[in-house]
């Protein structure tokens, strides 16, 4: 356990920040699952609509350093390729 007041505060902040990041990461994973489910359903227009929302979410998470910007780009690219391959 932290001894100084500063270290105690940093420990409290770390716990709070971790909980927030876990929540955001979970939201991101859920959004990606929604796109994959739409792709599996076979409806290209619905998949594209869900992808557009998810791409925005992925970009926000990358901006907030929840995930790396290259990972965000890779995820968007793969989902977009999967939607284009539906034709």
PDB file of N, CA and C in Angstrom:
ATOM      1  N   UNK A   1       0.846  -1.187   0.000  1.00  0.00           N
ATOM      2  CA  UNK A   1       0.000   0.000   0.000  1.00  0.00           C
ATOM      3  C   UNK A   1       0.883   1.239   0.000  1.00  0.00           C
ATOM      4  N   UNK A   2       0.401   2.263  -0.668  1.00  0.00           N
ATOM      5  CA  UNK A   2       1.147   3.517  -0.767  1.00  0.00           C
ATOM      6  C   UNK A   2       1.209   4.207   0.590  1.00  0.00           C
ATOM      7  N   UNK A   3       2.339   4.848   0.868  1.00  0.00           N
ATOM      8  CA  UNK A   3       2.532   5.510   2.157  1.00  0.00           C
ATOM      9  C   UNK A   3       2.259   7.010   2.106  1.00  0.00           C
ATOM     10  N   UNK A   4       2.761   7.692   1.102  1.00  0.00           N
ATOM     11  CA  UNK A   4       2.591   9.141   1.051  1.00  0.00           C
ATOM     12  C   UNK A   4       1.209   9.491   0.496  1.00  0.00           C
ATOM     13  N   UNK A   5       0.785  10.712   0.787  1.00  0.00           N
ATOM     14  CA  UNK A   5      -0.511  11.176   0.286  1.00  0.00           C
ATOM     15  C   UNK A   5      -0.529  11.174  -1.246  1.00  0.00           C
ATOM     16  N   UNK A   6       0.575  11.603  -1.834  1.00  0.00           N
ATOM     17  CA  UNK A   6       0.656  11.652  -3.292  1.00  0.00           C
ATOM     18  C   UNK A   6       0.510  10.255  -3.898  1.00  0.00           C
ATOM     19  N   UNK A   7       1.183   9.274  -3.300  1.00  0.00           N
ATOM     20  CA  UNK A   7       1.123   7.906  -3.819  1.00  0.00           C
ATOM     21  C   UNK A   7      -0.273   7.317  -3.643  1.00  0.00           C
ATOM     22  N   UNK A   8      -0.931   7.663  -2.531  1.00  0.00           N
ATOM     23  CA  UNK A   8      -2.306   7.182  -2.322  1.00  0.00           C
ATOM     24  C   UNK A   8      -3.240   7.749  -3.385  1.00  0.00           C
ATOM     25  N   UNK A   9      -3.078   9.043  -3.650  1.00  0.00           N
ATOM     26  CA  UNK A   9      -3.921   9.673  -4.670  1.00  0.00           C
ATOM     27  C   UNK A   9      -3.672   9.038  -6.036  1.00  0.00           C
ATOM     28  N   UNK A  10      -2.401   8.818  -6.388  1.00  0.00           N
ATOM     29  CA  UNK A  10      -2.083   8.190  -7.668  1.00  0.00           C
ATOM     30  C   UNK A  10      -2.707   6.795  -7.757  1.00  0.00           C
ATOM     31  N   UNK A  11      -2.713   6.058  -6.657  1.00  0.00           N
ATOM     32  CA  UNK A  11      -3.313   4.722  -6.649  1.00  0.00           C
ATOM     33  C   UNK A  11      -4.813   4.819  -6.891  1.00  0.00           C
ATOM     34  N   UNK A  12      -5.458   5.796  -6.249  1.00  0.00           N
ATOM     35  CA  UNK A  12      -6.903   5.987  -6.457  1.00  0.00           C
ATOM     36  C   UNK A  12      -7.190   6.351  -7.911  1.00  0.00           C
ATOM     37  N   UNK A  13      -6.382   7.241  -8.464  1.00  0.00           N
ATOM     38  CA  UNK A  13      -6.576   7.662  -9.847  1.00  0.00           C
ATOM     39  C   UNK A  13      -6.367   6.503 -10.820  1.00  0.00           C
ATOM     40  N   UNK A  14      -5.389   5.662 -10.515  1.00  0.00           N
ATOM     41  CA  UNK A  14      -5.103   4.522 -11.385  1.00  0.00           C
ATOM     42  C   UNK A  14      -6.281   3.567 -11.437  1.00  0.00           C
ATOM     43  N   UNK A  15      -6.890   3.312 -10.290  1.00  0.00           N
ATOM     44  CA  UNK A  15      -8.050   2.416 -10.238  1.00  0.00           C
ATOM     45  C   UNK A  15      -9.199   3.004 -11.048  1.00  0.00           C
ATOM     46  N   UNK A  16      -9.450   4.292 -10.845  1.00  0.00           N
ATOM     47  CA  UNK A  16     -10.546   4.962 -11.547  1.00  0.00           C
ATOM     48  C   UNK A  16     -10.317   4.954 -13.049  1.00  0.00           C
ATOM     49  N   UNK A  17      -9.086   5.263 -13.462  1.00  0.00           N
ATOM     50  CA  UNK A  17      -8.749   5.302 -14.889  1.00  0.00           C
ATOM     51  C   UNK A  17      -8.849   3.916 -15.513  1.00  0.00           C
ATOM     52  N   UNK A  18      -8.412   2.887 -14.773  1.00  0.00           N
ATOM     53  CA  UNK A  18      -8.476   1.521 -15.280  1.00  0.00           C
ATOM     54  C   UNK A  18      -9.922   1.101 -15.516  1.00  0.00           C
ATOM     55  N   UNK A  19     -10.803   1.410 -14.564  1.00  0.00           N
ATOM     56  CA  UNK A  19     -12.221   1.063 -14.717  1.00  0.00           C
ATOM     57  C   UNK A  19     -12.810   1.738 -15.953  1.00  0.00           C
ATOM     58  N   UNK A  20     -12.456   2.991 -16.168  1.00  0.00           N
ATOM     59  CA  UNK A  20     -12.960   3.720 -17.326  1.00  0.00           C
ATOM     60  C   UNK A  20     -12.448   3.096 -18.625  1.00  0.00           C
ATOM     61  N   UNK A  21     -11.144   2.771 -18.664  1.00  0.00           N
ATOM     62  CA  UNK A  21     -10.565   2.189 -19.871  1.00  0.00           C
ATOM     63  C   UNK A  21     -11.153   0.823 -20.175  1.00  0.00           C
ATOM     64  N   UNK A  22     -11.400   0.014 -19.139  1.00  0.00           N
ATOM     65  CA  UNK A  22     -12.006  -1.306 -19.339  1.00  0.00           C
ATOM     66  C   UNK A  22     -13.396  -1.149 -19.945  1.00  0.00           C
ATOM     67  N   UNK A  23     -14.145  -0.180 -19.440  1.00  0.00           N
ATOM     68  CA  UNK A  23     -15.483   0.082 -19.955  1.00  0.00           C
ATOM     69  C   UNK A  23     -15.442   0.493 -21.422  1.00  0.00           C
ATOM     70  N   UNK A  24     -14.530   1.389 -21.761  1.00  0.00           N
ATOM     71  CA  UNK A  24     -14.407   1.859 -23.139  1.00  0.00           C
ATOM     72  C   UNK A  24     -13.981   0.732 -24.073  1.00  0.00           C
ATOM     73  N   UNK A  25     -13.045  -0.098 -23.626  1.00  0.00           N
ATOM     74  CA  UNK A  25     -12.576  -1.220 -24.442  1.00  0.00           C
ATOM     75  C   UNK A  25     -13.712  -2.210 -24.686  1.00  0.00           C
ATOM     76  N   UNK A  26     -14.540  -2.422 -23.677  1.00  0.00           N
ATOM     77  CA  UNK A  26     -15.684  -3.316 -23.813  1.00  0.00           C
ATOM     78  C   UNK A  26     -16.670  -2.764 -24.839  1.00  0.00           C
ATOM     79  N   UNK A  27     -16.912  -1.463 -24.792  1.00  0.00           N
ATOM     80  CA  UNK A  27     -17.801  -0.812 -25.758  1.00  0.00           C
ATOM     81  C   UNK A  27     -17.275  -0.998 -27.177  1.00  0.00           C
ATOM     82  N   UNK A  28     -15.968  -0.892 -27.336  1.00  0.00           N
ATOM     83  CA  UNK A  28     -15.336  -1.061 -28.642  1.00  0.00           C
ATOM     84  C   UNK A  28     -15.530  -2.489 -29.157  1.00  0.00           C
ATOM     85  N   UNK A  29     -15.255  -3.459 -28.309  1.00  0.00           N
ATOM     86  CA  UNK A  29     -15.396  -4.860 -28.719  1.00  0.00           C
ATOM     87  C   UNK A  29     -16.832  -5.176 -29.108  1.00  0.00           C
ATOM     88  N   UNK A  30     -17.776  -4.635 -28.363  1.00  0.00           N
ATOM     89  CA  UNK A  30     -19.188  -4.863 -28.664  1.00  0.00           C
ATOM     90  C   UNK A  30     -19.548  -4.280 -30.027  1.00  0.00           C
ATOM     91  N   UNK A  31     -19.056  -3.082 -30.313  1.00  0.00           N
ATOM     92  CA  UNK A  31     -19.338  -2.447 -31.599  1.00  0.00           C
ATOM     93  C   UNK A  31     -18.795  -3.289 -32.747  1.00  0.00           C
ATOM     94  N   UNK A  32     -17.598  -3.832 -32.581  1.00  0.00           N
ATOM     95  CA  UNK A  32     -17.001  -4.668 -33.626  1.00  0.00           C
ATOM     96  C   UNK A  32     -17.807  -5.952 -33.814  1.00  0.00           C
ATOM     97  N   UNK A  33     -18.288  -6.514 -32.707  1.00  0.00           N
ATOM     98  CA  UNK A  33     -19.115  -7.726 -32.801  1.00  0.00           C
ATOM     99  C   UNK A  33     -20.408  -7.450 -33.557  1.00  0.00           C
ATOM    100  N   UNK A  34     -20.972  -6.251 -33.383  1.00  0.00           N
ATOM    101  CA  UNK A  34     -22.195  -5.903 -34.104  1.00  0.00           C
ATOM    102  C   UNK A  34     -21.954  -5.874 -35.613  1.00  0.00           C
ATOM    103  N   UNK A  35     -20.797  -5.372 -36.012  1.00  0.00           N
ATOM    104  CA  UNK A  35     -20.479  -5.336 -37.445  1.00  0.00           C
ATOM    105  C   UNK A  35     -20.318  -6.759 -37.976  1.00  0.00           C
ATOM    106  N   UNK A  36     -19.593  -7.588 -37.236  1.00  0.00           N
ATOM    107  CA  UNK A  36     -19.393  -8.972 -37.695  1.00  0.00           C
ATOM    108  C   UNK A  36     -20.721  -9.719 -37.807  1.00  0.00           C
ATOM    109  N   UNK A  37     -21.612  -9.463 -36.858  1.00  0.00           N
ATOM    110  CA  UNK A  37     -22.927 -10.113 -36.891  1.00  0.00           C
ATOM    111  C   UNK A  37     -23.722  -9.643 -38.108  1.00  0.00           C
ATOM    112  N   UNK A  38     -23.642  -8.346 -38.419  1.00  0.00           N
ATOM    113  CA  UNK A  38     -24.337  -7.809 -39.591  1.00  0.00           C
ATOM    114  C   UNK A  38     -23.764  -8.396 -40.874  1.00  0.00           C
ATOM    115  N   UNK A  39     -22.462  -8.606 -40.922  1.00  0.00           N
ATOM    116  CA  UNK A  39     -21.830  -9.204 -42.102  1.00  0.00           C
ATOM    117  C   UNK A  39     -22.312 -10.644 -42.281  1.00  0.00           C
ATOM    118  N   UNK A  40     -22.386 -11.378 -41.177  1.00  0.00           N
ATOM    119  CA  UNK A  40     -22.840 -12.774 -41.252  1.00  0.00           C
ATOM    120  C   UNK A  40     -24.300 -12.875 -41.665  1.00  0.00           C
ATOM    121  N   UNK A  41     -25.095 -11.858 -41.333  1.00  0.00           N
ATOM    122  CA  UNK A  41     -26.511 -11.899 -41.696  1.00  0.00           C
ATOM    123  C   UNK A  41     -26.705 -11.774 -43.205  1.00  0.00           C
ATOM    124  N   UNK A  42     -25.735 -11.160 -43.894  1.00  0.00           N
ATOM    125  CA  UNK A  42     -25.794 -11.091 -45.351  1.00  0.00           C
ATOM    126  C   UNK A  42     -26.390  -9.810 -45.896  1.00  0.00           C
ATOM    127  N   UNK A  43     -26.858  -8.915 -45.051  1.00  0.00           N
ATOM    128  CA  UNK A  43     -27.449  -7.658 -45.504  1.00  0.00           C
ATOM    129  C   UNK A  43     -26.348  -6.604 -45.615  1.00  0.00           C
ATOM    130  N   UNK A  44     -25.939  -6.323 -46.841  1.00  0.00           N
ATOM    131  CA  UNK A  44     -24.791  -5.446 -47.064  1.00  0.00           C
ATOM    132  C   UNK A  44     -25.071  -4.008 -46.622  1.00  0.00           C
ATOM    133  N   UNK A  45     -26.277  -3.513 -46.872  1.00  0.00           N
ATOM    134  CA  UNK A  45     -26.601  -2.131 -46.500  1.00  0.00           C
ATOM    135  C   UNK A  45     -26.606  -1.951 -44.982  1.00  0.00           C
ATOM    136  N   UNK A  46     -27.163  -2.910 -44.285  1.00  0.00           N
ATOM    137  CA  UNK A  46     -27.183  -2.834 -42.830  1.00  0.00           C
ATOM    138  C   UNK A  46     -25.759  -2.934 -42.280  1.00  0.00           C
ATOM    139  N   UNK A  47     -24.969  -3.828 -42.859  1.00  0.00           N
ATOM    140  CA  UNK A  47     -23.586  -3.989 -42.427  1.00  0.00           C
ATOM    141  C   UNK A  47     -22.805  -2.689 -42.638  1.00  0.00           C
ATOM    142  N   UNK A  48     -23.042  -2.023 -43.763  1.00  0.00           N
ATOM    143  CA  UNK A  48     -22.349  -0.765 -44.040  1.00  0.00           C
ATOM    144  C   UNK A  48     -22.762   0.315 -43.043  1.00  0.00           C
ATOM    145  N   UNK A  49     -24.049   0.362 -42.709  1.00  0.00           N
ATOM    146  CA  UNK A  49     -24.535   1.356 -41.751  1.00  0.00           C
ATOM    147  C   UNK A  49     -23.927   1.129 -40.369  1.00  0.00           C
ATOM    148  N   UNK A  50     -23.898  -0.124 -39.940  1.00  0.00           N
ATOM    149  CA  UNK A  50     -23.321  -0.447 -38.635  1.00  0.00           C
ATOM    150  C   UNK A  50     -21.813  -0.174 -38.650  1.00  0.00           C
ATOM    151  N   UNK A  51     -21.171  -0.468 -39.780  1.00  0.00           N
ATOM    152  CA  UNK A  51     -19.726  -0.217 -39.894  1.00  0.00           C
ATOM    153  C   UNK A  51     -19.406   1.264 -39.758  1.00  0.00           C
ATOM    154  N   UNK A  52     -20.231   2.122 -40.350  1.00  0.00           N
ATOM    155  CA  UNK A  52     -19.973   3.560 -40.274  1.00  0.00           C
ATOM    156  C   UNK A  52     -19.992   4.047 -38.823  1.00  0.00           C
ATOM    157  N   UNK A  53     -20.933   3.539 -38.030  1.00  0.00           N
ATOM    158  CA  UNK A  53     -20.982   3.905 -36.610  1.00  0.00           C
ATOM    159  C   UNK A  53     -19.765   3.352 -35.877  1.00  0.00           C
ATOM    160  N   UNK A  54     -19.419   2.117 -36.182  1.00  0.00           N
ATOM    161  CA  UNK A  54     -18.298   1.469 -35.507  1.00  0.00           C
ATOM    162  C   UNK A  54     -16.973   2.143 -35.856  1.00  0.00           C
ATOM    163  N   UNK A  55     -16.808   2.551 -37.093  1.00  0.00           N
ATOM    164  CA  UNK A  55     -15.570   3.224 -37.501  1.00  0.00           C
ATOM    165  C   UNK A  55     -15.368   4.489 -36.679  1.00  0.00           C
ATOM    166  N   UNK A  56     -16.454   5.193 -36.428  1.00  0.00           N
ATOM    167  CA  UNK A  56     -16.377   6.391 -35.597  1.00  0.00           C
ATOM    168  C   UNK A  56     -15.945   6.032 -34.177  1.00  0.00           C
ATOM    169  N   UNK A  57     -16.524   4.971 -33.632  1.00  0.00           N
ATOM    170  CA  UNK A  57     -16.172   4.522 -32.283  1.00  0.00           C
ATOM    171  C   UNK A  57     -14.706   4.111 -32.213  1.00  0.00           C
ATOM    172  N   UNK A  58     -14.244   3.390 -33.218  1.00  0.00           N
ATOM    173  CA  UNK A  58     -12.851   2.940 -33.254  1.00  0.00           C
ATOM    174  C   UNK A  58     -11.909   4.146 -33.278  1.00  0.00           C
ATOM    175  N   UNK A  59     -12.246   5.159 -34.075  1.00  0.00           N
ATOM    176  CA  UNK A  59     -11.411   6.363 -34.147  1.00  0.00           C
ATOM    177  C   UNK A  59     -11.364   7.089 -32.805  1.00  0.00           C
ATOM    178  N   UNK A  60     -12.495   7.167 -32.129  1.00  0.00           N
ATOM    179  CA  UNK A  60     -12.542   7.829 -30.823  1.00  0.00           C
ATOM    180  C   UNK A  60     -11.654   7.087 -29.826  1.00  0.00           C
ATOM    181  N   UNK A  61     -11.715   5.756 -29.841  1.00  0.00           N
ATOM    182  CA  UNK A  61     -10.896   4.976 -28.911  1.00  0.00           C
ATOM    183  C   UNK A  61      -9.400   5.154 -29.204  1.00  0.00           C
ATOM    184  N   UNK A  62      -9.063   5.279 -30.478  1.00  0.00           N
ATOM    185  CA  UNK A  62      -7.660   5.497 -30.828  1.00  0.00           C
ATOM    186  C   UNK A  62      -7.214   6.882 -30.375  1.00  0.00           C
ATOM    187  N   UNK A  63      -8.075   7.874 -30.526  1.00  0.00           N
ATOM    188  CA  UNK A  63      -7.741   9.231 -30.086  1.00  0.00           C
ATOM    189  C   UNK A  63      -7.529   9.288 -28.578  1.00  0.00           C
ATOM    190  N   UNK A  64      -8.273   8.480 -27.846  1.00  0.00           N
ATOM    191  CA  UNK A  64      -8.167   8.480 -26.386  1.00  0.00           C
ATOM    192  C   UNK A  64      -7.099   7.514 -25.879  1.00  0.00           C
ATOM    193  N   UNK A  65      -6.348   6.930 -26.802  1.00  0.00           N
ATOM    194  CA  UNK A  65      -5.276   5.986 -26.463  1.00  0.00           C
ATOM    195  C   UNK A  65      -5.778   4.748 -25.735  1.00  0.00           C
ATOM    196  N   UNK A  66      -7.012   4.355 -26.000  1.00  0.00           N
ATOM    197  CA  UNK A  66      -7.522   3.091 -25.475  1.00  0.00           C
ATOM    198  C   UNK A  66      -6.900   1.959 -26.290  1.00  0.00           C
ATOM    199  N   UNK A  67      -6.790   2.186 -27.603  1.00  0.00           N
ATOM    200  CA  UNK A  67      -6.079   1.256 -28.485  1.00  0.00           C
ATOM    201  C   UNK A  67      -5.106   2.076 -29.331  1.00  0.00           C
ATOM    202  N   UNK A  68      -4.141   1.393 -29.911  1.00  0.00           N
ATOM    203  CA  UNK A  68      -3.139   2.060 -30.751  1.00  0.00           C
ATOM    204  C   UNK A  68      -3.777   2.461 -32.078  1.00  0.00           C
ATOM    205  N   UNK A  69      -3.299   3.549 -32.650  1.00  0.00           N
ATOM    206  CA  UNK A  69      -3.883   4.046 -33.899  1.00  0.00           C
ATOM    207  C   UNK A  69      -3.728   3.053 -35.036  1.00  0.00           C
ATOM    208  N   UNK A  70      -2.631   2.289 -35.049  1.00  0.00           N
ATOM    209  CA  UNK A  70      -2.449   1.293 -36.112  1.00  0.00           C
ATOM    210  C   UNK A  70      -3.436   0.138 -35.952  1.00  0.00           C
ATOM    211  N   UNK A  71      -3.726  -0.232 -34.718  1.00  0.00           N
ATOM    212  CA  UNK A  71      -4.715  -1.286 -34.481  1.00  0.00           C
ATOM    213  C   UNK A  71      -6.091  -0.819 -34.945  1.00  0.00           C
ATOM    214  N   UNK A  72      -6.402   0.440 -34.688  1.00  0.00           N
ATOM    215  CA  UNK A  72      -7.678   0.999 -35.129  1.00  0.00           C
ATOM    216  C   UNK A  72      -7.781   0.942 -36.650  1.00  0.00           C
ATOM    217  N   UNK A  73      -6.713   1.334 -37.327  1.00  0.00           N
ATOM    218  CA  UNK A  73      -6.708   1.320 -38.787  1.00  0.00           C
ATOM    219  C   UNK A  73      -6.849  -0.107 -39.312  1.00  0.00           C
ATOM    220  N   UNK A  74      -6.166  -1.047 -38.669  1.00  0.00           N
ATOM    221  CA  UNK A  74      -6.236  -2.441 -39.096  1.00  0.00           C
ATOM    222  C   UNK A  74      -7.652  -3.000 -38.931  1.00  0.00           C
ATOM    223  N   UNK A  75      -8.275  -2.707 -37.807  1.00  0.00           N
ATOM    224  CA  UNK A  75      -9.632  -3.206 -37.570  1.00  0.00           C
ATOM    225  C   UNK A  75     -10.613  -2.639 -38.583  1.00  0.00           C
ATOM    226  N   UNK A  76     -10.519  -1.339 -38.836  1.00  0.00           N
ATOM    227  CA  UNK A  76     -11.422  -0.719 -39.808  1.00  0.00           C
ATOM    228  C   UNK A  76     -11.191  -1.294 -41.198  1.00  0.00           C
ATOM    229  N   UNK A  77      -9.936  -1.502 -41.550  1.00  0.00           N
ATOM    230  CA  UNK A  77      -9.607  -2.024 -42.866  1.00  0.00           C
ATOM    231  C   UNK A  77     -10.170  -3.429 -43.057  1.00  0.00           C
ATOM    232  N   UNK A  78      -9.991  -4.283 -42.057  1.00  0.00           N
ATOM    233  CA  UNK A  78     -10.468  -5.669 -42.172  1.00  0.00           C
ATOM    234  C   UNK A  78     -11.988  -5.750 -42.229  1.00  0.00           C
ATOM    235  N   UNK A  79     -12.655  -4.926 -41.413  1.00  0.00           N
ATOM    236  CA  UNK A  79     -14.114  -4.933 -41.445  1.00  0.00           C
ATOM    237  C   UNK A  79     -14.628  -4.400 -42.790  1.00  0.00           C
ATOM    238  N   UNK A  80     -13.973  -3.345 -43.276  1.00  0.00           N
ATOM    239  CA  UNK A  80     -14.375  -2.781 -44.558  1.00  0.00           C
ATOM    240  C   UNK A  80     -14.169  -3.792 -45.690  1.00  0.00           C
ATOM    241  N   UNK A  81     -13.067  -4.507 -45.658  1.00  0.00           N
ATOM    242  CA  UNK A  81     -12.789  -5.528 -46.674  1.00  0.00           C
ATOM    243  C   UNK A  81     -13.819  -6.646 -46.619  1.00  0.00           C
ATOM    244  N   UNK A  82     -14.235  -7.016 -45.420  1.00  0.00           N
ATOM    245  CA  UNK A  82     -15.233  -8.075 -45.269  1.00  0.00           C
ATOM    246  C   UNK A  82     -16.574  -7.628 -45.852  1.00  0.00           C
ATOM    247  N   UNK A  83     -16.908  -6.352 -45.674  1.00  0.00           N
ATOM    248  CA  UNK A  83     -18.165  -5.830 -46.222  1.00  0.00           C
ATOM    249  C   UNK A  83     -18.092  -5.775 -47.746  1.00  0.00           C
ATOM    250  N   UNK A  84     -16.955  -5.347 -48.279  1.00  0.00           N
ATOM    251  CA  UNK A  84     -16.799  -5.284 -49.737  1.00  0.00           C
ATOM    252  C   UNK A  84     -16.839  -6.670 -50.363  1.00  0.00           C
ATOM    253  N   UNK A  85     -16.390  -7.670 -49.628  1.00  0.00           N
ATOM    254  CA  UNK A  85     -16.371  -9.046 -50.154  1.00  0.00           C
ATOM    255  C   UNK A  85     -17.755  -9.682 -50.139  1.00  0.00           C
ATOM    256  N   UNK A  86     -18.738  -9.011 -49.572  1.00  0.00           N
ATOM    257  CA  UNK A  86     -20.094  -9.570 -49.496  1.00  0.00           C
ATOM    258  C   UNK A  86     -20.790  -9.631 -50.854  1.00  0.00           C
ATOM    259  N   UNK A  87     -20.338  -8.843 -51.829  1.00  0.00           N
ATOM    260  CA  UNK A  87     -21.009  -8.749 -53.128  1.00  0.00           C
ATOM    261  C   UNK A  87     -21.091 -10.027 -53.852  1.00  0.00           C
TER     262      UNK A  87
END
